[in-house]
C-alpha atoms as a PDB file:
ATOM      1  CA  MET A   1     -26.012  -5.327  26.324  1.00  0.00           C
ATOM      2  CA  THR A   2     -24.571  -7.864  23.431  1.00  0.00           C
ATOM      3  CA  LYS A   3     -20.883  -8.380  23.058  1.00  0.00           C
ATOM      4  CA  ILE A   4     -19.157  -8.175  19.788  1.00  0.00           C
ATOM      5  CA  THR A   5     -16.364 -10.889  19.146  1.00  0.00           C
ATOM      6  CA  ASN A   6     -13.899  -9.736  16.430  1.00  0.00           C
ATOM      7  CA  PHE A   7     -11.598 -12.292  14.743  1.00  0.00           C
ATOM      8  CA  PHE A   8      -9.902 -12.774  11.377  1.00  0.00           C
ATOM      9  CA  LEU A   9     -10.388 -15.340   8.612  1.00  0.00           C
ATOM     10  CA  ASN A  10      -7.852 -15.801   6.386  1.00  0.00           C
ATOM     11  CA  GLY A  11      -6.805 -12.492   6.827  1.00  0.00           C
ATOM     12  CA  GLN A  12     -10.334 -11.117   6.636  1.00  0.00           C
ATOM     13  CA  GLN A  13     -12.139  -9.119   9.503  1.00  0.00           C
ATOM     14  CA  TYR A  14     -15.975 -10.820  10.669  1.00  0.00           C
ATOM     15  CA  SER A  15     -17.636  -9.846  13.707  1.00  0.00           C
ATOM     16  CA  THR A  16     -20.225 -11.763  15.384  1.00  0.00           C
ATOM     17  CA  THR A  17     -22.622 -11.542  18.449  1.00  0.00           C
ATOM     18  CA  ALA A  18     -22.975 -15.495  18.609  1.00  0.00           C
ATOM     19  CA  SER A  19     -20.831 -17.992  20.627  1.00  0.00           C
ATOM     20  CA  LEU A  20     -19.257 -19.905  17.696  1.00  0.00           C
ATOM     21  CA  THR A  21     -16.639 -22.951  17.801  1.00  0.00           C
ATOM     22  CA  ILE A  22     -14.274 -23.339  15.509  1.00  0.00           C
ATOM     23  CA  PHE A  23     -16.599 -26.434  13.989  1.00  0.00           C
ATOM     24  CA  ASP A  24     -19.385 -24.086  13.440  1.00  0.00           C
ATOM     25  CA  LEU A  25     -17.154 -21.336  11.732  1.00  0.00           C
ATOM     26  CA  ILE A  26     -15.664 -24.421   9.091  1.00  0.00           C
ATOM     27  CA  HIS A  27     -19.869 -25.405   8.445  1.00  0.00           C
ATOM     28  CA  TYR A  28     -21.056 -21.833   8.055  1.00  0.00           C
ATOM     29  CA  PHE A  29     -18.605 -20.967   5.515  1.00  0.00           C
ATOM     30  CA  ASN A  30     -19.312 -24.411   3.619  1.00  0.00           C
ATOM     31  CA  PHE A  31     -15.596 -25.972   4.247  1.00  0.00           C
ATOM     32  CA  ASN A  32     -15.103 -29.746   3.539  1.00  0.00           C
ATOM     33  CA  ASP A  33     -13.738 -30.485   6.560  1.00  0.00           C
ATOM     34  CA  SER A  34     -11.960 -33.300   5.703  1.00  0.00           C
ATOM     35  CA  LEU A  35      -9.808 -31.583   2.979  1.00  0.00           C
ATOM     36  CA  LEU A  36      -8.642 -28.829   5.219  1.00  0.00           C
ATOM     37  CA  VAL A  37      -5.709 -27.585   7.385  1.00  0.00           C
ATOM     38  CA  LEU A  38      -6.868 -25.213  10.264  1.00  0.00           C
ATOM     39  CA  GLU A  39      -4.665 -23.094  11.998  1.00  0.00           C
ATOM     40  CA  TYR A  40      -6.004 -21.146  15.052  1.00  0.00           C
ATOM     41  CA  ASN A  41      -3.737 -18.078  16.210  1.00  0.00           C
ATOM     42  CA  ASN A  42      -0.656 -19.751  15.246  1.00  0.00           C
ATOM     43  CA  LEU A  43      -0.699 -23.331  15.989  1.00  0.00           C
ATOM     44  CA  ILE A  44      -2.195 -26.102  13.786  1.00  0.00           C
ATOM     45  CA  CYS A  45      -5.703 -27.221  15.227  1.00  0.00           C
ATOM     46  CA  ASP A  46      -6.321 -30.932  15.875  1.00  0.00           C
ATOM     47  CA  LYS A  47      -9.866 -31.491  14.223  1.00  0.00           C
ATOM     48  CA  LYS A  48     -10.750 -33.459  17.335  1.00  0.00           C
ATOM     49  CA  LYS A  49     -10.698 -30.083  19.392  1.00  0.00           C
ATOM     50  CA  TRP A  50     -12.920 -28.250  16.545  1.00  0.00           C
ATOM     51  CA  LYS A  51     -16.155 -28.671  18.760  1.00  0.00           C
ATOM     52  CA  THR A  52     -14.561 -27.597  21.811  1.00  0.00           C
ATOM     53  CA  ILE A  53     -12.814 -24.456  21.148  1.00  0.00           C
ATOM     54  CA  PHE A  54     -14.813 -21.172  20.996  1.00  0.00           C
ATOM     55  CA  ILE A  55     -13.812 -18.063  18.942  1.00  0.00           C
ATOM     56  CA  ASN A  56     -12.863 -15.243  21.114  1.00  0.00           C
ATOM     57  CA  ASP A  57     -12.153 -11.831  20.388  1.00  0.00           C
ATOM     58  CA  GLN A  58      -9.302 -10.827  18.480  1.00  0.00           C
ATOM     59  CA  ASP A  59      -8.519 -14.386  17.416  1.00  0.00           C
ATOM     60  CA  TYR A  60      -6.607 -15.247  14.131  1.00  0.00           C
ATOM     61  CA  ILE A  61      -7.898 -18.201  12.010  1.00  0.00           C
ATOM     62  CA  GLU A  62      -6.412 -19.765   8.879  1.00  0.00           C
ATOM     63  CA  ILE A  63      -7.731 -22.527   6.703  1.00  0.00           C
ATOM     64  CA  VAL A  64      -6.093 -24.079   4.168  1.00  0.00           C
ATOM     65  CA  THR A  65      -7.907 -26.589   1.611  1.00  0.00           C
ATOM     66  CA  ILE A  66      -6.522 -29.139  -0.171  1.00  0.00           C
ATOM     67  CA  VAL A  67      -6.909 -29.337  -3.687  1.00  0.00           C
ATOM     68  CA  GLY A  68      -6.280 -32.975  -5.930  1.00  0.00           C
ATOM     69  CA  GLY A  69      -5.313 -32.704  -9.488  1.00  0.00           C
ATOM     70  CA  GLY A  70      -3.079 -33.876 -12.305  1.00  0.00           C
END
Protein backbone atom coordinates (compact mmCIF):
# COMPACT_ATOMS: atom_id res chain seq x y z
CA MET A 1 0.00 0.00 0.00
CA THR A 2 1.30 3.45 -0.96
CA LYS A 3 1.61 6.04 1.80
CA ILE A 4 0.16 9.45 1.00
CA THR A 5 1.75 12.47 2.65
CA ASN A 6 -0.41 15.58 2.99
CA PHE A 7 1.34 18.88 3.65
CA PHE A 8 0.63 22.59 3.41
CA LEU A 9 2.69 25.00 1.33
CA ASN A 10 1.85 28.70 1.71
CA GLY A 11 -1.59 27.78 3.03
CA GLN A 12 -2.50 25.39 0.22
CA GLN A 13 -2.78 21.64 0.83
CA TYR A 14 -0.80 19.23 -1.33
CA SER A 15 -0.52 15.44 -1.38
CA THR A 16 2.31 13.24 -2.56
CA THR A 17 3.36 9.61 -2.55
CA ALA A 18 7.00 10.57 -3.13
CA SER A 19 9.57 10.98 -0.39
CA LEU A 20 10.52 14.67 -0.66
CA THR A 21 13.02 16.88 1.09
CA ILE A 22 12.52 20.59 1.48
CA PHE A 23 15.21 21.04 -1.18
CA ASP A 24 13.20 18.84 -3.60
CA LEU A 25 10.07 20.85 -2.93
CA ILE A 26 11.76 24.21 -3.55
CA HIS A 27 13.09 23.04 -6.89
CA TYR A 28 9.87 21.30 -7.93
CA PHE A 29 8.00 24.60 -7.56
CA ASN A 30 10.86 26.53 -9.27
CA PHE A 31 11.65 28.85 -6.38
CA ASN A 32 14.95 30.75 -6.57
CA ASP A 33 16.63 29.33 -3.46
CA SER A 34 18.96 32.30 -3.09
CA LEU A 35 16.04 34.73 -2.72
CA LEU A 36 13.76 33.13 -0.17
CA VAL A 37 13.13 32.53 3.50
CA LEU A 38 11.57 29.21 4.47
CA GLU A 39 9.53 28.50 7.56
CA TYR A 40 9.04 24.81 8.42
CA ASN A 41 6.45 24.02 11.10
CA ASN A 42 6.68 27.56 12.54
CA LEU A 43 10.50 27.70 12.63
CA ILE A 44 12.85 29.42 10.21
CA CYS A 45 14.73 26.65 8.44
CA ASP A 46 18.45 26.99 7.76
CA LYS A 47 19.34 26.48 4.09
CA LYS A 48 22.06 24.00 5.14
CA LYS A 49 19.35 21.60 6.38
CA TRP A 50 17.08 21.65 3.31
CA LYS A 51 18.53 18.44 1.84
CA THR A 52 18.16 16.50 5.10
CA ILE A 53 14.64 17.44 6.19
CA PHE A 54 11.96 15.22 4.69
CA ILE A 55 8.37 16.41 4.33
CA ASN A 56 6.09 14.59 6.77
CA ASP A 57 2.33 14.26 6.96
CA GLN A 58 0.61 17.51 8.04
CA ASP A 59 3.78 19.63 7.83
CA TYR A 60 3.35 23.37 7.34
CA ILE A 61 5.79 25.14 5.03
CA GLU A 62 5.77 28.84 4.26
CA ILE A 63 8.05 30.27 1.59
CA VAL A 64 8.57 34.01 1.36
CA THR A 65 10.42 35.31 -1.68
CA ILE A 66 12.48 38.46 -1.65
CA VAL A 67 11.74 40.89 -4.46
CA GLY A 68 13.92 43.89 -5.23
CA GLY A 69 12.67 47.09 -6.71
CA GLY A 70 12.89 50.77 -6.56
